[in-house]
Amino acid sequence: MHFKPVEKWLLQLEFSYDTSPVDSDDRTPDMPMDRQIRYAAGAQYQWSEKLSVGGQFVYADYGDAKIKNDLLKGEYDRNELFFFALNANWKF
């Protein structure tokens, strides 16, 4: 059996925008999300015919997330998250 590397790259870019899932009157501090803007970048490398590996980075900005209800009032100075992911795919 002869192993022949494929060596191909797939580059990925993403942008997404979502409106706020709740009004500031109904927002709670356990999920302080306002409008959502996400930027993502990643790469996938086809190592061989059966194996590919990759990684992604996502930056998510969740807006001001102001809370204005009868119990709580306030907002967040920084309301952002960073996601990192690594993956491997093996074809049987």
N, C-alpha and C. Protein backbone atom coordinates (compact mmCIF):
# COMPACT_ATOMS: atom_id res chain seq x y z
N MET A 1 0.85 -1.18 0.00
CA MET A 1 0.00 0.00 0.00
C MET A 1 0.89 1.24 0.00
N HIS A 2 0.66 2.10 -0.94
CA HIS A 2 1.46 3.30 -1.09
C HIS A 2 0.68 4.49 -0.54
N PHE A 3 1.30 5.26 0.37
CA PHE A 3 0.67 6.44 0.96
C PHE A 3 1.05 7.66 0.12
N LYS A 4 0.04 8.34 -0.40
CA LYS A 4 0.28 9.53 -1.21
C LYS A 4 -0.43 10.72 -0.56
N PRO A 5 0.33 11.71 -0.04
CA PRO A 5 -0.31 12.86 0.61
C PRO A 5 -1.07 13.71 -0.40
N VAL A 6 -2.19 14.25 0.04
CA VAL A 6 -3.02 15.10 -0.81
C VAL A 6 -2.61 16.57 -0.66
N GLU A 7 -2.39 17.02 0.56
CA GLU A 7 -1.92 18.36 0.89
C GLU A 7 -2.72 19.48 0.24
N LYS A 8 -3.92 19.69 0.72
CA LYS A 8 -4.78 20.77 0.25
C LYS A 8 -5.28 21.57 1.44
N TRP A 9 -5.36 22.87 1.27
CA TRP A 9 -5.84 23.78 2.30
C TRP A 9 -7.22 24.32 1.95
N LEU A 10 -8.04 24.51 2.96
CA LEU A 10 -9.33 25.18 2.83
C LEU A 10 -9.34 26.30 3.86
N LEU A 11 -9.44 27.54 3.42
CA LEU A 11 -9.50 28.68 4.33
C LEU A 11 -10.95 29.11 4.49
N GLN A 12 -11.32 29.51 5.71
CA GLN A 12 -12.70 29.84 6.02
C GLN A 12 -12.77 31.22 6.68
N LEU A 13 -13.71 32.05 6.25
CA LEU A 13 -13.99 33.34 6.86
C LEU A 13 -15.50 33.46 7.05
N GLU A 14 -15.91 34.10 8.14
CA GLU A 14 -17.34 34.23 8.40
C GLU A 14 -17.61 35.56 9.07
N PHE A 15 -18.76 36.11 8.78
CA PHE A 15 -19.29 37.27 9.48
C PHE A 15 -20.77 37.02 9.68
N SER A 16 -21.29 37.31 10.88
CA SER A 16 -22.72 37.16 11.09
C SER A 16 -23.23 38.26 12.01
N TYR A 17 -24.49 38.57 11.85
CA TYR A 17 -25.17 39.58 12.66
C TYR A 17 -26.54 39.04 13.04
N ASP A 18 -26.87 39.15 14.33
CA ASP A 18 -28.20 38.77 14.82
C ASP A 18 -28.73 39.89 15.70
N THR A 19 -30.01 40.13 15.63
CA THR A 19 -30.62 41.13 16.49
C THR A 19 -30.73 40.58 17.91
N SER A 20 -31.07 41.43 18.83
CA SER A 20 -31.17 41.04 20.23
C SER A 20 -32.29 40.01 20.42
N PRO A 21 -32.02 38.92 21.18
CA PRO A 21 -33.06 37.93 21.40
C PRO A 21 -34.13 38.38 22.39
N VAL A 22 -33.83 39.37 23.24
CA VAL A 22 -34.81 39.87 24.22
C VAL A 22 -34.66 41.38 24.36
N ASP A 23 -35.72 42.03 24.85
CA ASP A 23 -35.67 43.46 25.15
C ASP A 23 -34.91 43.69 26.45
N SER A 24 -34.45 44.92 26.68
CA SER A 24 -33.71 45.21 27.90
C SER A 24 -34.57 45.02 29.15
N ASP A 25 -35.90 45.10 29.02
CA ASP A 25 -36.80 44.85 30.16
C ASP A 25 -36.80 43.39 30.58
N ASP A 26 -36.55 42.48 29.65
CA ASP A 26 -36.60 41.04 29.94
C ASP A 26 -35.22 40.41 30.08
N ARG A 27 -34.15 41.17 29.89
CA ARG A 27 -32.79 40.64 29.92
C ARG A 27 -32.36 40.35 31.36
N THR A 28 -31.59 39.28 31.54
CA THR A 28 -31.07 38.90 32.85
C THR A 28 -29.54 38.81 32.79
N PRO A 29 -28.84 38.93 33.93
CA PRO A 29 -27.39 38.90 33.90
C PRO A 29 -26.78 37.53 33.60
N ASP A 30 -27.55 36.47 33.66
CA ASP A 30 -26.99 35.15 33.35
C ASP A 30 -26.82 34.93 31.84
N MET A 31 -27.49 35.75 31.01
CA MET A 31 -27.34 35.66 29.57
C MET A 31 -27.44 37.07 28.99
N PRO A 32 -26.42 37.92 29.23
CA PRO A 32 -26.51 39.33 28.83
C PRO A 32 -26.21 39.54 27.35
N MET A 33 -27.17 39.25 26.50
CA MET A 33 -26.95 39.37 25.06
C MET A 33 -27.82 40.47 24.48
N ASP A 34 -27.18 41.36 23.74
CA ASP A 34 -27.87 42.37 22.97
C ASP A 34 -27.76 41.92 21.52
N ARG A 35 -27.56 42.83 20.60
CA ARG A 35 -27.33 42.39 19.22
C ARG A 35 -25.99 41.63 19.20
N GLN A 36 -25.84 40.74 18.26
CA GLN A 36 -24.66 39.87 18.23
C GLN A 36 -23.94 40.03 16.89
N ILE A 37 -22.64 40.31 16.97
CA ILE A 37 -21.80 40.38 15.79
C ILE A 37 -20.67 39.38 15.98
N ARG A 38 -20.47 38.51 14.99
CA ARG A 38 -19.43 37.49 15.08
C ARG A 38 -18.52 37.55 13.86
N TYR A 39 -17.24 37.39 14.14
CA TYR A 39 -16.22 37.28 13.09
C TYR A 39 -15.50 35.96 13.32
N ALA A 40 -15.25 35.22 12.29
CA ALA A 40 -14.59 33.93 12.44
C ALA A 40 -13.59 33.72 11.31
N ALA A 41 -12.54 32.97 11.64
CA ALA A 41 -11.53 32.59 10.65
C ALA A 41 -11.06 31.19 11.00
N GLY A 42 -10.76 30.42 9.98
CA GLY A 42 -10.29 29.06 10.24
C GLY A 42 -9.60 28.50 9.02
N ALA A 43 -9.03 27.35 9.22
CA ALA A 43 -8.34 26.65 8.14
C ALA A 43 -8.52 25.15 8.34
N GLN A 44 -8.62 24.45 7.22
CA GLN A 44 -8.73 22.99 7.21
C GLN A 44 -7.63 22.48 6.29
N TYR A 45 -6.89 21.50 6.76
CA TYR A 45 -5.79 20.95 5.97
C TYR A 45 -6.07 19.48 5.67
N GLN A 46 -6.12 19.14 4.40
CA GLN A 46 -6.35 17.75 3.96
C GLN A 46 -5.00 17.04 3.97
N TRP A 47 -4.72 16.32 5.07
CA TRP A 47 -3.44 15.67 5.27
C TRP A 47 -3.24 14.50 4.32
N SER A 48 -4.29 13.72 4.18
CA SER A 48 -4.26 12.58 3.28
C SER A 48 -5.67 12.35 2.76
N GLU A 49 -5.89 11.28 2.02
CA GLU A 49 -7.24 10.99 1.52
C GLU A 49 -8.20 10.69 2.65
N LYS A 50 -7.69 10.21 3.79
CA LYS A 50 -8.56 9.82 4.90
C LYS A 50 -8.55 10.80 6.07
N LEU A 51 -7.55 11.65 6.18
CA LEU A 51 -7.41 12.50 7.36
C LEU A 51 -7.32 13.98 6.98
N SER A 52 -8.14 14.79 7.67
CA SER A 52 -8.03 16.24 7.58
C SER A 52 -8.04 16.80 9.00
N VAL A 53 -7.31 17.89 9.20
CA VAL A 53 -7.24 18.54 10.50
C VAL A 53 -7.48 20.04 10.30
N GLY A 54 -7.97 20.70 11.34
CA GLY A 54 -8.24 22.12 11.19
C GLY A 54 -8.41 22.82 12.51
N GLY A 55 -8.61 24.12 12.41
CA GLY A 55 -8.84 24.94 13.59
C GLY A 55 -9.61 26.19 13.21
N GLN A 56 -10.33 26.73 14.20
CA GLN A 56 -11.13 27.92 13.99
C GLN A 56 -10.99 28.86 15.19
N PHE A 57 -11.16 30.15 14.93
CA PHE A 57 -11.21 31.17 15.96
C PHE A 57 -12.44 32.03 15.69
N VAL A 58 -13.22 32.31 16.74
CA VAL A 58 -14.42 33.14 16.61
C VAL A 58 -14.37 34.23 17.67
N TYR A 59 -14.62 35.46 17.25
CA TYR A 59 -14.79 36.59 18.16
C TYR A 59 -16.25 36.98 18.11
N ALA A 60 -16.91 37.03 19.27
CA ALA A 60 -18.32 37.39 19.34
C ALA A 60 -18.49 38.62 20.21
N ASP A 61 -19.12 39.65 19.65
CA ASP A 61 -19.43 40.88 20.37
C ASP A 61 -20.92 40.87 20.65
N TYR A 62 -21.31 40.87 21.95
CA TYR A 62 -22.71 40.77 22.33
C TYR A 62 -23.33 42.12 22.71
N GLY A 63 -22.73 43.21 22.28
CA GLY A 63 -23.33 44.53 22.45
C GLY A 63 -23.31 45.05 23.88
N ASP A 64 -24.08 46.12 24.12
CA ASP A 64 -24.13 46.75 25.45
C ASP A 64 -24.85 45.90 26.48
N ALA A 65 -25.86 45.20 26.05
CA ALA A 65 -26.66 44.33 26.92
C ALA A 65 -27.18 45.07 28.15
N LYS A 66 -27.76 46.22 27.91
CA LYS A 66 -28.34 46.98 29.02
C LYS A 66 -29.48 46.19 29.65
N ILE A 67 -29.53 46.25 30.98
CA ILE A 67 -30.60 45.59 31.73
C ILE A 67 -31.41 46.70 32.42
N LYS A 68 -32.71 46.75 32.11
CA LYS A 68 -33.60 47.74 32.73
C LYS A 68 -34.90 47.06 33.09
N ASN A 69 -34.96 46.48 34.28
CA ASN A 69 -36.23 45.92 34.74
C ASN A 69 -36.48 46.38 36.17
N ASP A 70 -37.51 45.86 36.82
CA ASP A 70 -37.86 46.31 38.17
C ASP A 70 -36.82 45.95 39.22
N LEU A 71 -36.05 44.88 38.99
CA LEU A 71 -35.07 44.41 39.98
C LEU A 71 -33.65 44.88 39.71
N LEU A 72 -33.26 44.97 38.43
CA LEU A 72 -31.87 45.25 38.07
C LEU A 72 -31.78 46.36 37.02
N LYS A 73 -30.69 47.11 37.11
CA LYS A 73 -30.38 48.12 36.09
C LYS A 73 -28.87 48.13 35.91
N GLY A 74 -28.41 48.23 34.66
CA GLY A 74 -26.98 48.31 34.41
C GLY A 74 -26.64 47.90 32.99
N GLU A 75 -25.34 47.93 32.71
CA GLU A 75 -24.86 47.49 31.41
C GLU A 75 -23.42 47.00 31.56
N TYR A 76 -22.91 46.34 30.53
CA TYR A 76 -21.57 45.75 30.55
C TYR A 76 -20.62 46.59 29.71
N ASP A 77 -19.43 46.89 30.27
CA ASP A 77 -18.43 47.62 29.50
C ASP A 77 -17.89 46.77 28.36
N ARG A 78 -17.56 45.52 28.68
CA ARG A 78 -17.06 44.57 27.67
C ARG A 78 -17.96 43.35 27.70
N ASN A 79 -18.59 43.09 26.61
CA ASN A 79 -19.51 41.95 26.53
C ASN A 79 -19.14 41.16 25.29
N GLU A 80 -18.03 40.43 25.39
CA GLU A 80 -17.51 39.71 24.24
C GLU A 80 -16.98 38.35 24.66
N LEU A 81 -16.95 37.44 23.70
CA LEU A 81 -16.44 36.09 23.93
C LEU A 81 -15.48 35.71 22.81
N PHE A 82 -14.55 34.83 23.16
CA PHE A 82 -13.61 34.29 22.20
C PHE A 82 -13.75 32.77 22.19
N PHE A 83 -13.87 32.17 21.03
CA PHE A 83 -13.99 30.73 20.90
C PHE A 83 -12.81 30.19 20.09
N PHE A 84 -12.26 29.08 20.53
CA PHE A 84 -11.22 28.38 19.79
C PHE A 84 -11.67 26.93 19.59
N ALA A 85 -11.40 26.38 18.43
CA ALA A 85 -11.78 24.99 18.16
C ALA A 85 -10.71 24.31 17.31
N LEU A 86 -10.46 23.08 17.61
CA LEU A 86 -9.58 22.23 16.82
C LEU A 86 -10.37 21.00 16.41
N ASN A 87 -10.10 20.47 15.22
CA ASN A 87 -10.83 19.28 14.80
C ASN A 87 -9.95 18.37 13.96
N ALA A 88 -10.35 17.13 13.93
CA ALA A 88 -9.72 16.13 13.07
C ALA A 88 -10.85 15.27 12.49
N ASN A 89 -10.77 14.98 11.21
CA ASN A 89 -11.75 14.14 10.52
C ASN A 89 -11.06 12.95 9.90
N TRP A 90 -11.54 11.76 10.22
CA TRP A 90 -10.98 10.53 9.68
C TRP A 90 -12.08 9.82 8.90
N LYS A 91 -11.84 9.54 7.63
CA LYS A 91 -12.83 8.83 6.81
C LYS A 91 -12.52 7.33 6.89
N PHE A 92 -13.55 6.56 7.18
CA PHE A 92 -13.41 5.11 7.28
C PHE A 92 -13.58 4.46 5.91
